[in-house]
Amino acid sequence: MKWKIRFGAALGNMLEHYDIAVFAAVSVYLSAELKRLGYHQATEIVWGIFALRYMIRPLGGYIIGCYADRVGKKPALILTTVITGVATFCMALIPIETLGVYTPIVIFILQVALSFSFAGEYPSLITYLFSGANSNESSKVSTLSAGSSLLGFFIAFGLVFVLEKIIEPELMQSIGWRIPLLLGIVNVLVSFWFRAKLPDQPIIKTDHTVVKWRNCFYVFLIAIPSSATFYTQSISPSLVSQYFKNPELKRIYGMLSTGLLLVAMIICSWLTDKYSKPERVFNMGVMGLVIFSIPIYYAMNNGSFETILVSQFFITIYISMIWCNVADQLVRDSGGEVTILGVGFNLTATLVGGMTPLIISYLVDINLIYVGMFLSLCGLFPLTLKMLKLN
């Protein structure tokens, strides 16, 4: 498969993650709107919506996964783009004044639709990208899927940051937070255009009535460290950065860490394909997560700029080793079947990914070292899988 086709397919994934990140980026404004409606625990409601919407993901992964395996991955990717576009449009124009106290319910329904869509988006994408991929480009292909996700978050957080700089706070609270969502609709239309031009792939004949639960379990375990670190790194920087004493550092922390990680992943993928193997580098990254997370987050407690830079450097290294190879591991353990990948991956997203921001929000109030303990624990699961396979 030509790389320009892969980039076209991955563009939609970037835009899907853009919509996810925008919700996190404007969460403070949504919380303020709910407080104005009389909800005293508005912040908890917003992040609760973020966590609860993940409950639909295993079902979405199964339904869209079956559709992708039976009809084709290209139609599945187009379907997820359409669902995302409709939900984003409704979210951008949600009439809060008209809905009143029913606003959280409508927001939840729209977020469930987006979550259902993404449940099939990522599994369909990575199986599409790895179709016909050579062994000496596996890490680069894996990085394309993870990097496009990361780029979507970077653009979303960057756009909100710029808007907050040029728009008065009152205007930002009234209508400014809707602008990134409206731009997301344009992004979805562009994604639809690119995906409509993708070449079809042959459908693999499999028994779609039987879910191979052993493989689903393998995928579930493999995805845990990448899912936990993804949402800690990309969605929770605002929660972690409240420990930082420098106001400007708080503002740019999310974009800084995301930009550094994107560069590190590109370098790591090139080195992996040239000198090593994806599985070996992935395991090394997981070991780094287990060993270094606790001391690194303990060191970040003092909030000094120098300590944060050094800590971020080490975090970036081992997370890039995980992210630039995880898609390869997921496709291998799923046997290339979107249904298996959709169920296993989305179980992880529900039980780990969706809950991570909520968990982090509580842990940072106690001590950052507990964030490190949480991430270290998440890294133990793929190691357990390795032991199970050896036995």
Protein backbone atom coordinates (compact mmCIF):
# COMPACT_ATOMS: atom_id res chain seq x y z
CA MET A 1 0.00 0.00 0.00
CA LYS A 2 1.32 3.44 -0.92
CA TRP A 3 2.06 5.82 1.92
CA LYS A 4 -0.16 8.57 0.50
CA ILE A 5 -3.11 6.17 0.82
CA ARG A 6 -2.14 5.41 4.41
CA PHE A 7 -1.90 9.12 5.21
CA GLY A 8 -5.36 9.67 3.70
CA ALA A 9 -6.83 6.90 5.85
CA ALA A 10 -5.10 8.14 8.99
CA LEU A 11 -6.36 11.69 8.46
CA GLY A 12 -9.82 10.60 9.59
CA ASN A 13 -8.35 9.14 12.76
CA MET A 14 -6.67 12.47 13.52
CA LEU A 15 -9.99 14.27 13.13
CA GLU A 16 -11.83 11.73 15.30
CA HIS A 17 -9.33 12.38 18.09
CA TYR A 18 -9.62 16.10 17.50
CA ASP A 19 -13.29 15.85 18.45
CA ILE A 20 -12.46 13.82 21.57
CA ALA A 21 -9.80 16.32 22.62
CA VAL A 22 -12.05 19.33 22.02
CA PHE A 23 -14.50 17.96 24.57
CA ALA A 24 -11.67 17.78 27.12
CA ALA A 25 -10.32 21.19 26.13
CA VAL A 26 -13.67 22.98 26.52
CA SER A 27 -14.74 20.97 29.57
CA VAL A 28 -14.14 23.95 31.85
CA TYR A 29 -16.63 26.01 29.82
CA LEU A 30 -19.20 23.20 29.81
CA SER A 31 -18.80 22.95 33.59
CA ALA A 32 -19.45 26.69 33.91
CA GLU A 33 -22.59 26.36 31.78
CA LEU A 34 -23.88 23.56 33.99
CA LYS A 35 -23.11 25.53 37.15
CA ARG A 36 -25.12 28.39 35.72
CA LEU A 37 -28.03 25.95 35.31
CA GLY A 38 -27.80 25.05 39.02
CA TYR A 39 -25.60 21.96 38.97
CA HIS A 40 -23.23 22.43 41.93
CA GLN A 41 -20.98 19.48 41.00
CA ALA A 42 -20.73 20.44 37.35
CA THR A 43 -17.08 19.41 36.94
CA GLU A 44 -17.81 15.93 38.25
CA ILE A 45 -20.80 15.69 35.90
CA VAL A 46 -18.71 16.64 32.84
CA TRP A 47 -15.94 14.15 33.61
CA GLY A 48 -18.56 11.59 34.61
CA ILE A 49 -20.09 11.96 31.14
CA PHE A 50 -16.64 11.46 29.66
CA ALA A 51 -16.22 8.23 31.63
CA LEU A 52 -19.76 6.86 31.20
CA ARG A 53 -19.83 7.34 27.44
CA TYR A 54 -17.16 4.64 27.20
CA MET A 55 -19.70 2.04 28.32
CA ILE A 56 -20.97 1.87 24.74
CA ARG A 57 -17.57 1.19 23.21
CA PRO A 58 -17.43 -2.63 23.43
CA LEU A 59 -20.84 -2.78 21.71
CA GLY A 60 -19.72 -0.24 19.10
CA GLY A 61 -16.50 -2.16 18.54
CA TYR A 62 -18.45 -5.38 18.00
CA ILE A 63 -21.12 -3.93 15.69
CA ILE A 64 -18.81 -1.82 13.52
CA GLY A 65 -16.16 -4.56 13.69
CA CYS A 66 -18.61 -7.12 12.27
CA TYR A 67 -19.59 -4.59 9.61
CA ALA A 68 -15.94 -4.05 8.69
CA ASP A 69 -15.19 -7.80 8.51
CA ARG A 70 -18.29 -8.58 6.46
CA VAL A 71 -18.68 -5.52 4.22
CA GLY A 72 -15.20 -3.97 4.22
CA LYS A 73 -12.94 -1.70 6.22
CA LYS A 74 -13.38 1.25 3.86
CA PRO A 75 -17.20 1.34 4.31
CA ALA A 76 -16.68 1.04 8.07
CA LEU A 77 -14.31 4.02 8.08
CA ILE A 78 -16.79 6.08 6.06
CA LEU A 79 -19.59 5.10 8.46
CA THR A 80 -17.62 6.26 11.52
CA THR A 81 -16.88 9.57 9.79
CA VAL A 82 -20.58 10.19 9.13
CA ILE A 83 -21.59 9.43 12.74
CA THR A 84 -18.85 11.69 14.06
CA GLY A 85 -19.89 14.52 11.75
CA VAL A 86 -23.53 14.46 12.81
CA ALA A 87 -22.73 14.24 16.53
CA THR A 88 -20.14 17.03 16.32
CA PHE A 89 -22.56 19.30 14.47
CA CYS A 90 -25.22 18.79 17.14
CA MET A 91 -22.67 19.34 19.91
CA ALA A 92 -21.50 22.63 18.38
CA LEU A 93 -25.04 24.02 18.17
CA ILE A 94 -26.49 22.53 21.35
CA PRO A 95 -29.18 24.98 22.62
CA ILE A 96 -28.29 25.14 26.31
CA GLU A 97 -30.80 27.87 27.13
CA THR A 98 -33.64 25.89 25.55
CA LEU A 99 -32.67 22.55 27.05
CA GLY A 100 -32.09 23.94 30.52
CA VAL A 101 -31.59 21.23 33.15
CA TYR A 102 -31.80 18.54 30.44
CA THR A 103 -28.52 19.74 28.91
CA PRO A 104 -26.32 17.05 30.59
CA ILE A 105 -28.59 14.31 29.18
CA VAL A 106 -28.29 15.64 25.62
CA ILE A 107 -24.52 16.10 25.97
CA PHE A 108 -24.28 12.51 27.21
CA ILE A 109 -26.29 11.17 24.23
CA LEU A 110 -24.08 13.04 21.74
CA GLN A 111 -20.91 11.86 23.47
CA VAL A 112 -22.20 8.28 23.42
CA ALA A 113 -22.68 8.59 19.64
CA LEU A 114 -19.11 9.83 19.25
CA SER A 115 -17.82 7.03 21.47
CA PHE A 116 -19.78 4.42 19.48
CA SER A 117 -18.23 5.78 16.29
CA PHE A 118 -14.67 5.76 17.56
CA ALA A 119 -15.12 2.22 18.90
CA GLY A 120 -15.06 1.02 15.31
CA GLU A 121 -12.80 3.76 13.92
CA TYR A 122 -9.46 2.74 15.42
CA PRO A 123 -9.75 -1.07 14.93
CA SER A 124 -10.89 -0.61 11.32
CA LEU A 125 -8.10 1.87 10.65
CA ILE A 126 -5.13 -0.09 11.96
CA THR A 127 -6.21 -3.34 10.27
CA TYR A 128 -6.61 -1.34 7.05
CA LEU A 129 -3.17 0.24 7.42
CA PHE A 130 -1.41 -3.05 8.19
CA SER A 131 -2.91 -4.84 5.21
CA GLY A 132 0.06 -5.76 3.02
CA ALA A 133 2.59 -3.94 5.24
CA ASN A 134 6.16 -5.22 5.17
CA SER A 135 7.91 -6.33 8.36
CA ASN A 136 10.50 -3.54 8.03
CA GLU A 137 7.81 -0.84 8.15
CA SER A 138 5.55 -2.18 10.92
CA SER A 139 6.65 0.37 13.51
CA LYS A 140 6.23 3.26 11.07
CA VAL A 141 2.69 2.11 10.22
CA SER A 142 1.90 1.75 13.92
CA THR A 143 3.26 5.23 14.54
CA LEU A 144 1.07 6.63 11.78
CA SER A 145 -2.07 5.50 13.60
CA ALA A 146 -0.89 6.62 17.05
CA GLY A 147 0.72 9.80 15.72
CA SER A 148 -2.42 10.87 13.88
CA SER A 149 -4.35 10.48 17.13
CA LEU A 150 -1.78 12.56 18.96
CA LEU A 151 -1.80 15.22 16.26
CA GLY A 152 -5.56 15.53 16.62
CA PHE A 153 -5.13 16.27 20.32
CA PHE A 154 -2.31 18.73 19.63
CA ILE A 155 -4.42 20.70 17.14
CA ALA A 156 -7.44 20.75 19.46
CA PHE A 157 -5.55 21.94 22.53
CA GLY A 158 -3.56 24.41 20.43
CA LEU A 159 -6.69 25.91 18.90
CA VAL A 160 -8.38 26.37 22.28
CA PHE A 161 -5.15 27.90 23.63
CA VAL A 162 -5.07 30.44 20.76
CA LEU A 163 -8.76 31.27 21.16
CA GLU A 164 -8.26 31.91 24.87
CA LYS A 165 -5.46 34.34 24.00
CA ILE A 166 -7.39 36.39 21.43
CA ILE A 167 -10.96 36.24 22.79
CA GLU A 168 -12.19 37.90 25.95
CA PRO A 169 -13.08 35.41 28.73
CA GLU A 170 -16.75 36.43 28.73
CA LEU A 171 -17.06 35.91 24.98
CA MET A 172 -15.14 32.65 25.19
CA GLN A 173 -17.59 31.40 27.79
CA SER A 174 -20.67 32.45 25.82
CA ILE A 175 -19.86 31.31 22.27
CA GLY A 176 -16.07 30.94 21.91
CA TRP A 177 -15.99 27.34 23.13
CA ARG A 178 -18.28 26.36 20.24
CA ILE A 179 -15.76 27.48 17.59
CA PRO A 180 -13.46 24.41 17.84
CA LEU A 181 -16.50 22.16 17.52
CA LEU A 182 -17.70 24.00 14.41
CA LEU A 183 -14.25 23.69 12.86
CA GLY A 184 -14.40 20.00 13.68
CA ILE A 185 -17.34 19.67 11.30
CA VAL A 186 -15.18 21.01 8.47
CA ASN A 187 -12.51 18.50 9.44
CA VAL A 188 -14.99 15.63 9.26
CA LEU A 189 -16.08 16.67 5.75
CA VAL A 190 -12.45 16.67 4.61
CA SER A 191 -11.98 13.25 6.17
CA PHE A 192 -15.06 11.92 4.37
CA TRP A 193 -13.71 13.15 1.03
CA PHE A 194 -10.35 11.40 1.56
CA ARG A 195 -11.89 8.15 2.75
CA ALA A 196 -14.35 7.97 -0.13
CA LYS A 197 -11.32 7.77 -2.43
CA LEU A 198 -9.57 4.95 -0.53
CA PRO A 199 -9.12 1.67 -2.42
CA ASP A 200 -11.23 -1.28 -1.25
CA GLN A 201 -9.50 -4.22 0.39
CA PRO A 202 -10.44 -7.90 -0.05
CA ILE A 203 -12.69 -9.24 2.70
CA ILE A 204 -11.17 -12.04 4.76
CA LYS A 205 -13.56 -14.99 5.07
CA THR A 206 -14.03 -15.72 8.78
CA ASP A 207 -16.76 -17.10 11.03
CA HIS A 208 -18.29 -13.83 12.26
CA THR A 209 -20.77 -15.66 14.51
CA VAL A 210 -17.99 -16.77 16.87
CA VAL A 211 -16.00 -14.29 18.95
CA LYS A 212 -12.56 -15.66 19.81
CA TRP A 213 -12.51 -14.60 23.44
CA ARG A 214 -8.94 -15.74 24.05
CA ASN A 215 -7.71 -13.33 21.39
CA CYS A 216 -10.00 -10.61 22.75
CA PHE A 217 -8.41 -11.12 26.16
CA TYR A 218 -4.92 -10.85 24.65
CA VAL A 219 -5.87 -7.59 22.93
CA PHE A 220 -7.42 -6.32 26.17
CA LEU A 221 -4.19 -6.85 28.15
CA ILE A 222 -1.89 -5.50 25.44
CA ALA A 223 -3.91 -2.27 25.14
CA ILE A 224 -3.92 -1.38 28.85
CA PRO A 225 -0.60 0.54 29.12
CA SER A 226 -1.13 2.46 25.87
CA SER A 227 -4.71 3.33 26.83
CA ALA A 228 -3.77 4.55 30.32
CA THR A 229 -0.77 6.56 29.15
CA PHE A 230 -2.69 7.97 26.17
CA TYR A 231 -5.37 9.57 28.28
CA THR A 232 -2.93 10.61 30.99
CA GLN A 233 -0.65 12.22 28.42
CA SER A 234 -3.24 13.77 26.12
CA ILE A 235 -6.39 14.43 28.11
CA SER A 236 -5.23 14.89 31.69
CA PRO A 237 -2.39 17.46 31.44
CA SER A 238 -4.69 20.14 32.82
CA LEU A 239 -5.32 17.96 35.85
CA VAL A 240 -1.65 17.12 36.42
CA SER A 241 -0.43 20.67 35.70
CA GLN A 242 -2.37 22.12 38.61
CA TYR A 243 0.66 21.10 40.67
CA PHE A 244 2.90 23.40 38.63
CA LYS A 245 3.72 26.79 40.12
CA ASN A 246 4.48 28.61 36.86
CA PRO A 247 1.20 29.88 35.25
CA GLU A 248 2.61 29.89 31.70
CA LEU A 249 3.90 26.35 32.16
CA LYS A 250 0.38 25.29 33.10
CA ARG A 251 -0.92 26.71 29.83
CA ILE A 252 1.61 25.10 27.50
CA TYR A 253 2.26 21.83 29.32
CA GLY A 254 -0.23 19.82 27.26
CA MET A 255 1.02 21.08 23.89
CA LEU A 256 4.67 20.83 24.94
CA SER A 257 4.42 17.22 26.08
CA THR A 258 2.34 16.24 23.03
CA GLY A 259 4.75 17.86 20.56
CA LEU A 260 7.79 16.22 22.16
CA LEU A 261 6.09 12.84 22.18
CA LEU A 262 5.15 13.09 18.50
CA VAL A 263 8.78 13.79 17.54
CA ALA A 264 10.02 10.98 19.80
CA MET A 265 7.61 8.50 18.22
CA ILE A 266 8.80 9.31 14.71
CA ILE A 267 12.43 8.79 15.74
CA CYS A 268 11.62 5.64 17.72
CA SER A 269 9.68 4.06 14.84
CA TRP A 270 12.55 4.65 12.41
CA LEU A 271 15.07 3.13 14.81
CA THR A 272 12.78 0.17 15.55
CA ASP A 273 12.25 -0.77 11.91
CA LYS A 274 15.95 -0.35 11.15
CA TYR A 275 17.60 -2.01 14.16
CA SER A 276 15.04 -3.98 16.16
CA LYS A 277 11.54 -5.49 16.23
CA PRO A 278 8.23 -3.89 17.32
CA GLU A 279 7.51 -6.51 20.00
CA ARG A 280 10.93 -6.12 21.62
CA VAL A 281 10.76 -2.32 21.74
CA PHE A 282 7.15 -2.42 22.98
CA ASN A 283 8.16 -4.69 25.87
CA MET A 284 11.07 -2.39 26.73
CA GLY A 285 8.70 0.58 26.85
CA VAL A 286 6.30 -1.30 29.14
CA MET A 287 9.18 -2.18 31.47
CA GLY A 288 10.14 1.51 31.55
CA LEU A 289 6.54 2.37 32.47
CA VAL A 290 6.59 -0.12 35.36
CA ILE A 291 10.01 0.83 36.72
CA PHE A 292 10.18 4.61 36.26
CA SER A 293 6.61 5.90 36.68
CA ILE A 294 6.64 6.06 40.48
CA PRO A 295 10.02 7.81 40.93
CA ILE A 296 9.33 10.21 38.05
CA TYR A 297 5.96 11.39 39.35
CA TYR A 298 7.40 11.60 42.85
CA ALA A 299 10.11 13.91 41.52
CA MET A 300 7.51 16.07 39.73
CA ASN A 301 5.86 16.92 43.05
CA ASN A 302 8.10 19.94 43.66
CA GLY A 303 6.81 21.53 40.43
CA SER A 304 10.12 23.13 39.44
CA PHE A 305 10.60 23.79 35.74
CA GLU A 306 13.89 21.87 35.56
CA THR A 307 12.49 18.79 37.27
CA ILE A 308 9.44 18.76 35.03
CA LEU A 309 11.58 18.99 31.89
CA VAL A 310 13.80 16.07 32.94
CA SER A 311 10.80 14.01 34.03
CA GLN A 312 8.97 14.73 30.79
CA PHE A 313 12.02 13.62 28.83
CA PHE A 314 12.03 10.16 30.43
CA ILE A 315 8.24 9.83 30.22
CA THR A 316 8.40 10.69 26.53
CA ILE A 317 11.01 8.00 25.85
CA TYR A 318 9.18 5.01 27.29
CA ILE A 319 5.72 6.12 26.16
CA SER A 320 6.97 6.60 22.58
CA MET A 321 8.35 3.04 22.66
CA ILE A 322 4.89 1.78 23.62
CA TRP A 323 2.83 3.91 21.28
CA CYS A 324 4.88 3.46 18.12
CA ASN A 325 4.52 -0.31 18.35
CA VAL A 326 1.20 -1.03 20.08
CA ALA A 327 -0.89 -1.14 16.88
CA ASP A 328 1.41 -3.84 15.48
CA GLN A 329 0.91 -5.91 18.64
CA LEU A 330 -2.86 -5.44 18.59
CA VAL A 331 -3.23 -6.49 14.96
CA ARG A 332 -1.05 -9.57 15.55
CA ASP A 333 -3.00 -10.72 18.61
CA SER A 334 -6.35 -10.13 16.88
CA GLY A 335 -5.33 -12.08 13.80
CA GLY A 336 -6.30 -9.10 11.67
CA GLU A 337 -10.01 -9.46 12.52
CA VAL A 338 -11.67 -6.11 13.25
CA THR A 339 -14.37 -7.70 15.42
CA ILE A 340 -11.83 -9.25 17.82
CA LEU A 341 -9.78 -6.09 17.89
CA GLY A 342 -12.90 -3.95 18.36
CA VAL A 343 -14.17 -5.95 21.33
CA GLY A 344 -10.82 -6.38 23.11
CA PHE A 345 -9.51 -2.88 22.51
CA ASN A 346 -12.76 -1.21 23.51
CA LEU A 347 -13.09 -3.24 26.70
CA THR A 348 -9.74 -1.71 27.63
CA ALA A 349 -10.93 1.73 26.57
CA THR A 350 -14.01 1.34 28.77
CA LEU A 351 -12.42 -0.12 31.89
CA VAL A 352 -9.12 1.78 31.74
CA GLY A 353 -9.08 4.62 29.19
CA GLY A 354 -12.44 6.17 29.98
CA MET A 355 -11.83 6.04 33.71
CA THR A 356 -8.24 7.35 33.59
CA PRO A 357 -9.01 11.12 33.61
CA LEU A 358 -11.45 10.60 36.48
CA ILE A 359 -8.89 8.50 38.39
CA ILE A 360 -6.13 11.05 37.74
CA SER A 361 -8.37 13.90 38.90
CA TYR A 362 -8.67 12.24 42.31
CA LEU A 363 -5.08 11.03 42.57
CA VAL A 364 -3.51 14.45 41.92
CA ASP A 365 -5.49 15.84 44.85
CA ILE A 366 -3.69 13.37 47.08
CA ASN A 367 -0.18 13.19 45.64
CA LEU A 368 1.35 12.88 42.16
CA ILE A 369 3.18 9.75 43.25
CA TYR A 370 -0.15 7.90 43.13
CA VAL A 371 -0.43 8.76 39.45
CA GLY A 372 2.91 6.99 38.98
CA MET A 373 1.65 3.99 40.95
CA PHE A 374 -1.46 3.78 38.78
CA LEU A 375 0.56 3.86 35.54
CA SER A 376 3.10 1.35 36.89
CA LEU A 377 0.27 -1.03 37.72
CA CYS A 378 -1.14 -0.67 34.19
CA GLY A 379 2.21 -1.71 32.76
CA LEU A 380 2.14 -5.05 34.59
CA PHE A 381 -0.73 -6.46 32.51
CA PRO A 382 1.14 -7.05 29.21
CA LEU A 383 3.92 -8.68 31.23
CA THR A 384 1.29 -11.01 32.68
CA LEU A 385 0.16 -11.82 29.14
CA LYS A 386 3.71 -12.71 28.17
CA MET A 387 3.89 -15.14 31.09
CA LEU A 388 0.54 -16.67 30.11
CA LYS A 389 1.74 -17.27 26.55
CA LEU A 390 4.97 -18.86 27.78
CA ASN A 391 2.95 -21.25 29.91
